[in-house]
PDB file of all heavy atoms in Angstrom:
ATOM      1  N   PHE A   1      28.929  -5.562 -41.354  1.00  0.00           N
ATOM      2  CA  PHE A   1      30.016  -4.636 -41.673  1.00  0.00           C
ATOM      3  C   PHE A   1      31.265  -4.994 -40.883  1.00  0.00           C
ATOM      4  O   PHE A   1      32.377  -5.035 -41.432  1.00  0.00           O
ATOM      5  CB  PHE A   1      29.571  -3.209 -41.363  1.00  0.00           C
ATOM      6  CG  PHE A   1      30.511  -2.140 -41.867  1.00  0.00           C
ATOM      7  CD1 PHE A   1      30.600  -1.853 -43.215  1.00  0.00           C
ATOM      8  CD2 PHE A   1      31.283  -1.403 -40.980  1.00  0.00           C
ATOM      9  CE1 PHE A   1      31.451  -0.855 -43.683  1.00  0.00           C
ATOM     10  CE2 PHE A   1      32.135  -0.408 -41.427  1.00  0.00           C
ATOM     11  CZ  PHE A   1      32.219  -0.124 -42.785  1.00  0.00           C
ATOM     12  N   LEU A   2      31.106  -5.279 -39.593  1.00  0.00           N
ATOM     13  CA  LEU A   2      32.254  -5.631 -38.759  1.00  0.00           C
ATOM     14  C   LEU A   2      32.819  -6.992 -39.156  1.00  0.00           C
ATOM     15  O   LEU A   2      34.036  -7.212 -39.094  1.00  0.00           O
ATOM     16  CB  LEU A   2      31.849  -5.620 -37.281  1.00  0.00           C
ATOM     17  CG  LEU A   2      31.413  -4.254 -36.740  1.00  0.00           C
ATOM     18  CD1 LEU A   2      31.003  -4.374 -35.262  1.00  0.00           C
ATOM     19  CD2 LEU A   2      32.523  -3.220 -36.884  1.00  0.00           C
ATOM     20  N   LEU A   3      31.950  -7.914 -39.567  1.00  0.00           N
ATOM     21  CA  LEU A   3      32.425  -9.201 -40.060  1.00  0.00           C
ATOM     22  C   LEU A   3      33.278  -9.007 -41.312  1.00  0.00           C
ATOM     23  O   LEU A   3      34.327  -9.636 -41.474  1.00  0.00           O
ATOM     24  CB  LEU A   3      31.241 -10.112 -40.372  1.00  0.00           C
ATOM     25  CG  LEU A   3      31.599 -11.503 -40.915  1.00  0.00           C
ATOM     26  CD1 LEU A   3      32.215 -12.359 -39.805  1.00  0.00           C
ATOM     27  CD2 LEU A   3      30.377 -12.192 -41.493  1.00  0.00           C
ATOM     28  N   CYS A   4      32.834  -8.119 -42.191  1.00  0.00           N
ATOM     29  CA  CYS A   4      33.607  -7.815 -43.397  1.00  0.00           C
ATOM     30  C   CYS A   4      34.975  -7.244 -43.028  1.00  0.00           C
ATOM     31  O   CYS A   4      35.985  -7.581 -43.656  1.00  0.00           O
ATOM     32  CB  CYS A   4      32.850  -6.827 -44.282  1.00  0.00           C
ATOM     33  SG  CYS A   4      31.442  -7.532 -45.162  1.00  0.00           S
ATOM     34  N   ILE A   5      35.017  -6.388 -42.012  1.00  0.00           N
ATOM     35  CA  ILE A   5      36.297  -5.831 -41.570  1.00  0.00           C
ATOM     36  C   ILE A   5      37.238  -6.961 -41.166  1.00  0.00           C
ATOM     37  O   ILE A   5      38.419  -6.977 -41.529  1.00  0.00           O
ATOM     38  CB  ILE A   5      36.087  -4.854 -40.409  1.00  0.00           C
ATOM     39  CG1 ILE A   5      35.473  -3.545 -40.923  1.00  0.00           C
ATOM     40  CG2 ILE A   5      37.403  -4.563 -39.683  1.00  0.00           C
ATOM     41  CD1 ILE A   5      35.124  -2.550 -39.828  1.00  0.00           C
ATOM     42  N   LEU A   6      36.738  -7.912 -40.422  1.00  0.00           N
ATOM     43  CA  LEU A   6      37.563  -9.035 -39.960  1.00  0.00           C
ATOM     44  C   LEU A   6      38.026  -9.925 -41.110  1.00  0.00           C
ATOM     45  O   LEU A   6      39.197 -10.307 -41.189  1.00  0.00           O
ATOM     46  CB  LEU A   6      36.786  -9.873 -38.948  1.00  0.00           C
ATOM     47  CG  LEU A   6      36.698  -9.350 -37.522  1.00  0.00           C
ATOM     48  CD1 LEU A   6      35.661 -10.149 -36.741  1.00  0.00           C
ATOM     49  CD2 LEU A   6      38.051  -9.432 -36.821  1.00  0.00           C
ATOM     50  N   LEU A   7      37.113 -10.264 -41.999  1.00  0.00           N
ATOM     51  CA  LEU A   7      37.398 -11.284 -43.004  1.00  0.00           C
ATOM     52  C   LEU A   7      38.090 -10.762 -44.256  1.00  0.00           C
ATOM     53  O   LEU A   7      38.719 -11.542 -44.984  1.00  0.00           O
ATOM     54  CB  LEU A   7      36.107 -11.997 -43.406  1.00  0.00           C
ATOM     55  CG  LEU A   7      35.391 -12.759 -42.289  1.00  0.00           C
ATOM     56  CD1 LEU A   7      34.168 -13.485 -42.838  1.00  0.00           C
ATOM     57  CD2 LEU A   7      36.327 -13.761 -41.624  1.00  0.00           C
ATOM     58  N   LEU A   8      37.997  -9.486 -44.529  1.00  0.00           N
ATOM     59  CA  LEU A   8      38.582  -8.938 -45.755  1.00  0.00           C
ATOM     60  C   LEU A   8      39.974  -8.368 -45.551  1.00  0.00           C
ATOM     61  O   LEU A   8      40.642  -8.004 -46.513  1.00  0.00           O
ATOM     62  CB  LEU A   8      37.665  -7.852 -46.337  1.00  0.00           C
ATOM     63  CG  LEU A   8      36.282  -8.324 -46.762  1.00  0.00           C
ATOM     64  CD1 LEU A   8      35.426  -7.144 -47.194  1.00  0.00           C
ATOM     65  CD2 LEU A   8      36.387  -9.336 -47.897  1.00  0.00           C
ATOM     66  N   ASN A   9      40.412  -8.300 -44.301  1.00  0.00           N
ATOM     67  CA  ASN A   9      41.720  -7.715 -44.003  1.00  0.00           C
ATOM     68  C   ASN A   9      42.812  -8.782 -44.093  1.00  0.00           C
ATOM     69  O   ASN A   9      43.369  -9.227 -43.100  1.00  0.00           O
ATOM     70  CB  ASN A   9      41.701  -7.077 -42.612  1.00  0.00           C
ATOM     71  CG  ASN A   9      42.983  -6.340 -42.297  1.00  0.00           C
ATOM     72  OD1 ASN A   9      43.762  -6.011 -43.185  1.00  0.00           O
ATOM     73  ND2 ASN A   9      43.201  -6.066 -41.024  1.00  0.00           N
ATOM     74  N   ASP A  10      43.110  -9.185 -45.308  1.00  0.00           N
ATOM     75  CA  ASP A  10      44.114 -10.222 -45.538  1.00  0.00           C
ATOM     76  C   ASP A  10      44.743  -9.999 -46.910  1.00  0.00           C
ATOM     77  O   ASP A  10      44.074  -9.537 -47.846  1.00  0.00           O
ATOM     78  CB  ASP A  10      43.458 -11.607 -45.485  1.00  0.00           C
ATOM     79  CG  ASP A  10      44.467 -12.737 -45.537  1.00  0.00           C
ATOM     80  OD1 ASP A  10      45.671 -12.462 -45.352  1.00  0.00           O
ATOM     81  OD2 ASP A  10      44.063 -13.876 -45.781  1.00  0.00           O
ATOM     82  N   GLU A  11      46.028 -10.319 -47.005  1.00  0.00           N
ATOM     83  CA  GLU A  11      46.719 -10.183 -48.291  1.00  0.00           C
ATOM     84  C   GLU A  11      46.041 -11.037 -49.352  1.00  0.00           C
ATOM     85  O   GLU A  11      45.969 -10.669 -50.523  1.00  0.00           O
ATOM     86  CB  GLU A  11      48.188 -10.591 -48.134  1.00  0.00           C
ATOM     87  CG  GLU A  11      49.049 -10.300 -49.345  1.00  0.00           C
ATOM     88  CD  GLU A  11      50.502 -10.680 -49.105  1.00  0.00           C
ATOM     89  OE1 GLU A  11      50.752 -11.875 -48.853  1.00  0.00           O
ATOM     90  OE2 GLU A  11      51.362  -9.787 -49.149  1.00  0.00           O
ATOM     91  N   LYS A  12      45.555 -12.221 -48.942  1.00  0.00           N
ATOM     92  CA  LYS A  12      44.838 -13.096 -49.857  1.00  0.00           C
ATOM     93  C   LYS A  12      43.333 -12.877 -49.717  1.00  0.00           C
ATOM     94  O   LYS A  12      42.841 -12.558 -48.643  1.00  0.00           O
ATOM     95  CB  LYS A  12      45.184 -14.554 -49.567  1.00  0.00           C
ATOM     96  CG  LYS A  12      46.644 -14.895 -49.789  1.00  0.00           C
ATOM     97  CD  LYS A  12      46.910 -16.363 -49.489  1.00  0.00           C
ATOM     98  CE  LYS A  12      48.372 -16.701 -49.716  1.00  0.00           C
ATOM     99  NZ  LYS A  12      48.662 -18.135 -49.418  1.00  0.00           N
ATOM    100  N   GLU A  13      42.633 -13.066 -50.803  1.00  0.00           N
ATOM    101  CA  GLU A  13      41.183 -12.942 -50.767  1.00  0.00           C
ATOM    102  C   GLU A  13      40.546 -14.314 -50.528  1.00  0.00           C
ATOM    103  O   GLU A  13      41.179 -15.339 -50.731  1.00  0.00           O
ATOM    104  CB  GLU A  13      40.680 -12.342 -52.084  1.00  0.00           C
ATOM    105  CG  GLU A  13      41.234 -10.944 -52.365  1.00  0.00           C
ATOM    106  CD  GLU A  13      40.605 -10.324 -53.591  1.00  0.00           C
ATOM    107  OE1 GLU A  13      39.367 -10.227 -53.614  1.00  0.00           O
ATOM    108  OE2 GLU A  13      41.356  -9.951 -54.507  1.00  0.00           O
ATOM    109  N   GLY A  14      39.283 -14.315 -50.112  1.00  0.00           N
ATOM    110  CA  GLY A  14      38.563 -15.570 -50.006  1.00  0.00           C
ATOM    111  C   GLY A  14      37.937 -15.882 -48.674  1.00  0.00           C
ATOM    112  O   GLY A  14      37.087 -16.766 -48.571  1.00  0.00           O
ATOM    113  N   TRP A  15      38.324 -15.168 -47.616  1.00  0.00           N
ATOM    114  CA  TRP A  15      37.761 -15.474 -46.291  1.00  0.00           C
ATOM    115  C   TRP A  15      36.254 -15.264 -46.255  1.00  0.00           C
ATOM    116  O   TRP A  15      35.533 -16.055 -45.636  1.00  0.00           O
ATOM    117  CB  TRP A  15      38.422 -14.603 -45.221  1.00  0.00           C
ATOM    118  CG  TRP A  15      39.776 -15.067 -44.823  1.00  0.00           C
ATOM    119  CD1 TRP A  15      40.976 -14.709 -45.379  1.00  0.00           C
ATOM    120  CD2 TRP A  15      40.103 -15.984 -43.781  1.00  0.00           C
ATOM    121  NE1 TRP A  15      42.014 -15.342 -44.748  1.00  0.00           N
ATOM    122  CE2 TRP A  15      41.508 -16.126 -43.767  1.00  0.00           C
ATOM    123  CE3 TRP A  15      39.346 -16.701 -42.863  1.00  0.00           C
ATOM    124  CZ2 TRP A  15      42.168 -16.954 -42.857  1.00  0.00           C
ATOM    125  CZ3 TRP A  15      40.000 -17.527 -41.957  1.00  0.00           C
ATOM    126  CH2 TRP A  15      41.396 -17.649 -41.967  1.00  0.00           C
ATOM    127  N   LEU A  16      35.773 -14.207 -46.890  1.00  0.00           N
ATOM    128  CA  LEU A  16      34.332 -13.948 -46.874  1.00  0.00           C
ATOM    129  C   LEU A  16      33.586 -15.034 -47.631  1.00  0.00           C
ATOM    130  O   LEU A  16      32.488 -15.435 -47.234  1.00  0.00           O
ATOM    131  CB  LEU A  16      34.037 -12.570 -47.476  1.00  0.00           C
ATOM    132  CG  LEU A  16      32.626 -12.020 -47.250  1.00  0.00           C
ATOM    133  CD1 LEU A  16      32.292 -11.935 -45.766  1.00  0.00           C
ATOM    134  CD2 LEU A  16      32.470 -10.643 -47.902  1.00  0.00           C
ATOM    135  N   ASP A  17      34.167 -15.539 -48.718  1.00  0.00           N
ATOM    136  CA  ASP A  17      33.543 -16.639 -49.462  1.00  0.00           C
ATOM    137  C   ASP A  17      33.481 -17.906 -48.618  1.00  0.00           C
ATOM    138  O   ASP A  17      32.498 -18.644 -48.658  1.00  0.00           O
ATOM    139  CB  ASP A  17      34.332 -16.916 -50.751  1.00  0.00           C
ATOM    140  CG  ASP A  17      34.194 -15.794 -51.760  1.00  0.00           C
ATOM    141  OD1 ASP A  17      33.154 -15.118 -51.745  1.00  0.00           O
ATOM    142  OD2 ASP A  17      35.134 -15.594 -52.556  1.00  0.00           O
ATOM    143  N   VAL A  18      34.541 -18.166 -47.858  1.00  0.00           N
ATOM    144  CA  VAL A  18      34.540 -19.329 -46.959  1.00  0.00           C
ATOM    145  C   VAL A  18      33.383 -19.210 -45.978  1.00  0.00           C
ATOM    146  O   VAL A  18      32.644 -20.170 -45.728  1.00  0.00           O
ATOM    147  CB  VAL A  18      35.881 -19.439 -46.203  1.00  0.00           C
ATOM    148  CG1 VAL A  18      35.792 -20.483 -45.091  1.00  0.00           C
ATOM    149  CG2 VAL A  18      37.008 -19.789 -47.172  1.00  0.00           C
ATOM    150  N   TRP A  19      33.214 -18.026 -45.395  1.00  0.00           N
ATOM    151  CA  TRP A  19      32.137 -17.803 -44.423  1.00  0.00           C
ATOM    152  C   TRP A  19      30.771 -17.977 -45.080  1.00  0.00           C
ATOM    153  O   TRP A  19      29.879 -18.615 -44.510  1.00  0.00           O
ATOM    154  CB  TRP A  19      32.261 -16.402 -43.833  1.00  0.00           C
ATOM    155  CG  TRP A  19      31.173 -16.081 -42.844  1.00  0.00           C
ATOM    156  CD1 TRP A  19      31.135 -16.400 -41.527  1.00  0.00           C
ATOM    157  CD2 TRP A  19      29.959 -15.360 -43.128  1.00  0.00           C
ATOM    158  NE1 TRP A  19      29.978 -15.933 -40.951  1.00  0.00           N
ATOM    159  CE2 TRP A  19      29.238 -15.298 -41.906  1.00  0.00           C
ATOM    160  CE3 TRP A  19      29.415 -14.775 -44.264  1.00  0.00           C
ATOM    161  CZ2 TRP A  19      28.009 -14.664 -41.819  1.00  0.00           C
ATOM    162  CZ3 TRP A  19      28.186 -14.149 -44.174  1.00  0.00           C
ATOM    163  CH2 TRP A  19      27.495 -14.106 -42.951  1.00  0.00           C
ATOM    164  N   ARG A  20      30.593 -17.437 -46.279  1.00  0.00           N
ATOM    165  CA  ARG A  20      29.302 -17.544 -46.967  1.00  0.00           C
ATOM    166  C   ARG A  20      28.918 -19.002 -47.201  1.00  0.00           C
ATOM    167  O   ARG A  20      27.743 -19.357 -47.178  1.00  0.00           O
ATOM    168  CB  ARG A  20      29.358 -16.816 -48.317  1.00  0.00           C
ATOM    169  CG  ARG A  20      29.363 -15.302 -48.252  1.00  0.00           C
ATOM    170  CD  ARG A  20      29.030 -14.731 -49.615  1.00  0.00           C
ATOM    171  NE  ARG A  20      29.281 -13.297 -49.690  1.00  0.00           N
ATOM    172  CZ  ARG A  20      30.353 -12.752 -50.245  1.00  0.00           C
ATOM    173  NH1 ARG A  20      31.292 -13.524 -50.764  1.00  0.00           N
ATOM    174  NH2 ARG A  20      30.502 -11.448 -50.286  1.00  0.00           N
ATOM    175  N   ASN A  21      29.903 -19.846 -47.456  1.00  0.00           N
ATOM    176  CA  ASN A  21      29.628 -21.243 -47.795  1.00  0.00           C
ATOM    177  C   ASN A  21      29.440 -22.148 -46.581  1.00  0.00           C
ATOM    178  O   ASN A  21      29.140 -23.335 -46.737  1.00  0.00           O
ATOM    179  CB  ASN A  21      30.756 -21.792 -48.682  1.00  0.00           C
ATOM    180  CG  ASN A  21      30.771 -21.143 -50.053  1.00  0.00           C
ATOM    181  OD1 ASN A  21      29.720 -20.815 -50.603  1.00  0.00           O
ATOM    182  ND2 ASN A  21      31.965 -20.952 -50.613  1.00  0.00           N
ATOM    183  N   LEU A  22      29.630 -21.600 -45.391  1.00  0.00           N
ATOM    184  CA  LEU A  22      29.406 -22.397 -44.193  1.00  0.00           C
ATOM    185  C   LEU A  22      27.911 -22.622 -43.978  1.00  0.00           C
ATOM    186  O   LEU A  22      27.085 -21.772 -44.313  1.00  0.00           O
ATOM    187  CB  LEU A  22      29.967 -21.680 -42.964  1.00  0.00           C
ATOM    188  CG  LEU A  22      31.486 -21.632 -42.794  1.00  0.00           C
ATOM    189  CD1 LEU A  22      31.830 -20.738 -41.599  1.00  0.00           C
ATOM    190  CD2 LEU A  22      32.051 -23.026 -42.582  1.00  0.00           C
ATOM    191  N   PRO A  23      27.522 -23.754 -43.399  1.00  0.00           N
ATOM    192  CA  PRO A  23      26.114 -23.927 -42.997  1.00  0.00           C
ATOM    193  C   PRO A  23      25.724 -22.826 -42.021  1.00  0.00           C
ATOM    194  O   PRO A  23      26.562 -22.343 -41.250  1.00  0.00           O
ATOM    195  CB  PRO A  23      26.117 -25.300 -42.314  1.00  0.00           C
ATOM    196  CG  PRO A  23      27.328 -25.992 -42.840  1.00  0.00           C
ATOM    197  CD  PRO A  23      28.353 -24.918 -43.080  1.00  0.00           C
ATOM    198  N   ASN A  24      24.475 -22.423 -42.045  1.00  0.00           N
ATOM    199  CA  ASN A  24      24.032 -21.307 -41.200  1.00  0.00           C
ATOM    200  C   ASN A  24      24.375 -21.512 -39.733  1.00  0.00           C
ATOM    201  O   ASN A  24      24.760 -20.579 -39.038  1.00  0.00           O
ATOM    202  CB  ASN A  24      22.521 -21.094 -41.358  1.00  0.00           C
ATOM    203  CG  ASN A  24      22.173 -20.464 -42.688  1.00  0.00           C
ATOM    204  OD1 ASN A  24      22.994 -19.775 -43.281  1.00  0.00           O
ATOM    205  ND2 ASN A  24      20.965 -20.712 -43.161  1.00  0.00           N
ATOM    206  N   LYS A  25      24.236 -22.737 -39.253  1.00  0.00           N
ATOM    207  CA  LYS A  25      24.477 -22.980 -37.835  1.00  0.00           C
ATOM    208  C   LYS A  25      25.949 -22.799 -37.470  1.00  0.00           C
ATOM    209  O   LYS A  25      26.290 -22.609 -36.297  1.00  0.00           O
ATOM    210  CB  LYS A  25      24.003 -24.383 -37.443  1.00  0.00           C
ATOM    211  CG  LYS A  25      24.767 -25.518 -38.111  1.00  0.00           C
ATOM    212  CD  LYS A  25      24.230 -26.865 -37.648  1.00  0.00           C
ATOM    213  CE  LYS A  25      24.998 -28.015 -38.298  1.00  0.00           C
ATOM    214  NZ  LYS A  25      24.493 -29.334 -37.844  1.00  0.00           N
ATOM    215  N   GLU A  26      26.839 -22.883 -38.477  1.00  0.00           N
ATOM    216  CA  GLU A  26      28.263 -22.738 -38.207  1.00  0.00           C
ATOM    217  C   GLU A  26      28.750 -21.305 -38.389  1.00  0.00           C
ATOM    218  O   GLU A  26      29.821 -20.950 -37.926  1.00  0.00           O
ATOM    219  CB  GLU A  26      29.072 -23.670 -39.120  1.00  0.00           C
ATOM    220  CG  GLU A  26      28.864 -25.141 -38.834  1.00  0.00           C
ATOM    221  CD  GLU A  26      29.754 -26.007 -39.709  1.00  0.00           C
ATOM    222  OE1 GLU A  26      30.795 -25.492 -40.161  1.00  0.00           O
ATOM    223  OE2 GLU A  26      29.399 -27.170 -39.937  1.00  0.00           O
ATOM    224  N   LYS A  27      27.971 -20.486 -39.060  1.00  0.00           N
ATOM    225  CA  LYS A  27      28.405 -19.117 -39.322  1.00  0.00           C
ATOM    226  C   LYS A  27      28.568 -18.321 -38.037  1.00  0.00           C
ATOM    227  O   LYS A  27      29.398 -17.423 -37.945  1.00  0.00           O
ATOM    228  CB  LYS A  27      27.410 -18.414 -40.246  1.00  0.00           C
ATOM    229  CG  LYS A  27      27.498 -18.880 -41.685  1.00  0.00           C
ATOM    230  CD  LYS A  27      26.542 -18.120 -42.583  1.00  0.00           C
ATOM    231  CE  LYS A  27      26.713 -18.580 -44.023  1.00  0.00           C
ATOM    232  NZ  LYS A  27      25.793 -17.889 -44.947  1.00  0.00           N
ATOM    233  N   GLU A  28      27.764 -18.655 -37.040  1.00  0.00           N
ATOM    234  CA  GLU A  28      27.832 -17.916 -35.794  1.00  0.00           C
ATOM    235  C   GLU A  28      28.975 -18.375 -34.902  1.00  0.00           C
ATOM    236  O   GLU A  28      29.320 -17.696 -33.940  1.00  0.00           O
ATOM    237  CB  GLU A  28      26.498 -18.046 -35.037  1.00  0.00           C
ATOM    238  CG  GLU A  28      25.336 -17.409 -35.772  1.00  0.00           C
ATOM    239  CD  GLU A  28      24.042 -17.511 -34.981  1.00  0.00           C
ATOM    240  OE1 GLU A  28      24.093 -18.045 -33.851  1.00  0.00           O
ATOM    241  OE2 GLU A  28      23.007 -17.079 -35.497  1.00  0.00           O
ATOM    242  N   VAL A  29      29.555 -19.518 -35.209  1.00  0.00           N
ATOM    243  CA  VAL A  29      30.628 -20.040 -34.363  1.00  0.00           C
ATOM    244  C   VAL A  29      31.896 -20.272 -35.181  1.00  0.00           C
ATOM    245  O   VAL A  29      32.687 -21.157 -34.883  1.00  0.00           O
ATOM    246  CB  VAL A  29      30.208 -21.359 -33.668  1.00  0.00           C
ATOM    247  CG1 VAL A  29      29.108 -21.103 -32.664  1.00  0.00           C
ATOM    248  CG2 VAL A  29      29.767 -22.392 -34.703  1.00  0.00           C
ATOM    249  N   ILE A  30      32.080 -19.484 -36.244  1.00  0.00           N
ATOM    250  CA  ILE A  30      33.272 -19.615 -37.071  1.00  0.00           C
ATOM    251  C   ILE A  30      34.518 -19.510 -36.191  1.00  0.00           C
ATOM    252  O   ILE A  30      34.575 -18.715 -35.251  1.00  0.00           O
ATOM    253  CB  ILE A  30      33.295 -18.534 -38.179  1.00  0.00           C
ATOM    254  CG1 ILE A  30      34.495 -18.755 -39.102  1.00  0.00           C
ATOM    255  CG2 ILE A  30      33.315 -17.148 -37.598  1.00  0.00           C
ATOM    256  CD1 ILE A  30      34.484 -17.857 -40.326  1.00  0.00           C
ATOM    257  N   ASN A  31      35.484 -20.360 -36.443  1.00  0.00           N
ATOM    258  CA  ASN A  31      36.694 -20.417 -35.629  1.00  0.00           C
ATOM    259  C   ASN A  31      37.606 -19.246 -35.977  1.00  0.00           C
ATOM    260  O   ASN A  31      38.408 -19.312 -36.905  1.00  0.00           O
ATOM    261  CB  ASN A  31      37.426 -21.740 -35.866  1.00  0.00           C
ATOM    262  CG  ASN A  31      38.623 -21.905 -34.955  1.00  0.00           C
ATOM    263  OD1 ASN A  31      38.967 -21.005 -34.194  1.00  0.00           O
ATOM    264  ND2 ASN A  31      39.258 -23.053 -35.036  1.00  0.00           N
ATOM    265  N   PHE A  32      37.468 -18.173 -35.226  1.00  0.00           N
ATOM    266  CA  PHE A  32      38.235 -16.966 -35.544  1.00  0.00           C
ATOM    267  C   PHE A  32      39.715 -17.112 -35.205  1.00  0.00           C
ATOM    268  O   PHE A  32      40.503 -16.235 -35.523  1.00  0.00           O
ATOM    269  CB  PHE A  32      37.635 -15.763 -34.813  1.00  0.00           C
ATOM    270  CG  PHE A  32      36.393 -15.250 -35.470  1.00  0.00           C
ATOM    271  CD1 PHE A  32      35.149 -15.547 -34.958  1.00  0.00           C
ATOM    272  CD2 PHE A  32      36.480 -14.490 -36.618  1.00  0.00           C
ATOM    273  CE1 PHE A  32      33.997 -15.087 -35.581  1.00  0.00           C
ATOM    274  CE2 PHE A  32      35.337 -14.027 -37.255  1.00  0.00           C
ATOM    275  CZ  PHE A  32      34.089 -14.326 -36.727  1.00  0.00           C
ATOM    276  N   ARG A  33      40.090 -18.222 -34.554  1.00  0.00           N
ATOM    277  CA  ARG A  33      41.518 -18.441 -34.342  1.00  0.00           C
ATOM    278  C   ARG A  33      42.248 -18.569 -35.675  1.00  0.00           C
ATOM    279  O   ARG A  33      43.435 -18.270 -35.787  1.00  0.00           O
ATOM    280  CB  ARG A  33      41.736 -19.700 -33.508  1.00  0.00           C
ATOM    281  CG  ARG A  33      41.253 -19.565 -32.066  1.00  0.00           C
ATOM    282  CD  ARG A  33      41.482 -20.846 -31.294  1.00  0.00           C
ATOM    283  NE  ARG A  33      40.963 -20.730 -29.934  1.00  0.00           N
ATOM    284  CZ  ARG A  33      40.956 -21.727 -29.058  1.00  0.00           C
ATOM    285  NH1 ARG A  33      41.430 -22.907 -29.414  1.00  0.00           N
ATOM    286  NH2 ARG A  33      40.477 -21.544 -27.841  1.00  0.00           N
ATOM    287  N   ARG A  34      41.510 -19.016 -36.685  1.00  0.00           N
ATOM    288  CA  ARG A  34      42.113 -19.145 -38.006  1.00  0.00           C
ATOM    289  C   ARG A  34      42.520 -17.784 -38.558  1.00  0.00           C
ATOM    290  O   ARG A  34      43.357 -17.698 -39.456  1.00  0.00           O
ATOM    291  CB  ARG A  34      41.125 -19.824 -38.968  1.00  0.00           C
ATOM    292  CG  ARG A  34      40.839 -21.280 -38.624  1.00  0.00           C
ATOM    293  CD  ARG A  34      39.799 -21.851 -39.553  1.00  0.00           C
ATOM    294  NE  ARG A  34      40.231 -21.808 -40.943  1.00  0.00           N
ATOM    295  CZ  ARG A  34      39.401 -21.979 -41.974  1.00  0.00           C
ATOM    296  NH1 ARG A  34      38.115 -22.190 -41.749  1.00  0.00           N
ATOM    297  NH2 ARG A  34      39.847 -21.929 -43.206  1.00  0.00           N
ATOM    298  N   LEU A  35      41.927 -16.724 -38.032  1.00  0.00           N
ATOM    299  CA  LEU A  35      42.288 -15.392 -38.498  1.00  0.00           C
ATOM    300  C   LEU A  35      43.745 -15.076 -38.195  1.00  0.00           C
ATOM    301  O   LEU A  35      44.340 -14.194 -38.812  1.00  0.00           O
ATOM    302  CB  LEU A  35      41.373 -14.332 -37.860  1.00  0.00           C
ATOM    303  CG  LEU A  35      39.895 -14.424 -38.230  1.00  0.00           C
ATOM    304  CD1 LEU A  35      39.108 -13.355 -37.499  1.00  0.00           C
ATOM    305  CD2 LEU A  35      39.699 -14.286 -39.730  1.00  0.00           C
ATOM    306  N   ASN A  36      44.330 -15.785 -37.232  1.00  0.00           N
ATOM    307  CA  ASN A  36      45.745 -15.568 -36.922  1.00  0.00           C
ATOM    308  C   ASN A  36      46.645 -16.012 -38.070  1.00  0.00           C
ATOM    309  O   ASN A  36      47.834 -15.661 -38.094  1.00  0.00           O
ATOM    310  CB  ASN A  36      46.129 -16.322 -35.646  1.00  0.00           C
ATOM    311  CG  ASN A  36      45.453 -15.751 -34.418  1.00  0.00           C
ATOM    312  OD1 ASN A  36      45.184 -14.555 -34.348  1.00  0.00           O
ATOM    313  ND2 ASN A  36      45.161 -16.599 -33.452  1.00  0.00           N
ATOM    314  N   LEU A  37      46.102 -16.764 -39.005  1.00  0.00           N
ATOM    315  CA  LEU A  37      46.877 -17.209 -40.150  1.00  0.00           C
ATOM    316  C   LEU A  37      46.955 -16.147 -41.228  1.00  0.00           C
ATOM    317  O   LEU A  37      47.709 -16.293 -42.192  1.00  0.00           O
ATOM    318  CB  LEU A  37      46.244 -18.482 -40.746  1.00  0.00           C
ATOM    319  CG  LEU A  37      46.099 -19.673 -39.799  1.00  0.00           C
ATOM    320  CD1 LEU A  37      45.342 -20.797 -40.507  1.00  0.00           C
ATOM    321  CD2 LEU A  37      47.469 -20.149 -39.339  1.00  0.00           C
ATOM    322  N   ARG A  38      46.214 -15.092 -41.070  1.00  0.00           N
ATOM    323  CA  ARG A  38      46.177 -14.043 -42.085  1.00  0.00           C
ATOM    324  C   ARG A  38      47.471 -13.230 -42.122  1.00  0.00           C
ATOM    325  O   ARG A  38      48.241 -13.194 -41.162  1.00  0.00           O
ATOM    326  CB  ARG A  38      45.022 -13.074 -41.818  1.00  0.00           C
ATOM    327  CG  ARG A  38      43.633 -13.655 -41.933  1.00  0.00           C
ATOM    328  CD  ARG A  38      42.610 -12.629 -41.529  1.00  0.00           C
ATOM    329  NE  ARG A  38      42.883 -12.097 -40.195  1.00  0.00           N
ATOM    330  CZ  ARG A  38      42.373 -10.977 -39.706  1.00  0.00           C
ATOM    331  NH1 ARG A  38      41.569 -10.253 -40.444  1.00  0.00           N
ATOM    332  NH2 ARG A  38      42.649 -10.586 -38.491  1.00  0.00           N
ATOM    333  N   LYS A  39      47.653 -12.531 -43.226  1.00  0.00           N
ATOM    334  CA  LYS A  39      48.676 -11.497 -43.326  1.00  0.00           C
ATOM    335  C   LYS A  39      47.912 -10.202 -43.578  1.00  0.00           C
ATOM    336  O   LYS A  39      47.611  -9.860 -44.726  1.00  0.00           O
ATOM    337  CB  LYS A  39      49.651 -11.783 -44.461  1.00  0.00           C
ATOM    338  CG  LYS A  39      50.842 -10.814 -44.478  1.00  0.00           C
ATOM    339  CD  LYS A  39      51.846 -11.181 -45.550  1.00  0.00           C
ATOM    340  CE  LYS A  39      53.033 -10.216 -45.485  1.00  0.00           C
ATOM    341  NZ  LYS A  39      54.032 -10.526 -46.556  1.00  0.00           N
TER     342      LYS A  39
END
């Protein structure tokens, strides 16, 4: 739920799909600095 809060709060859609498509080992270390690119 908290991950959804982080990834869905953007003018553009698609962050959650990006996360879903990551290999499992990378999902836990997703580079959240990229979230600064959001609007």
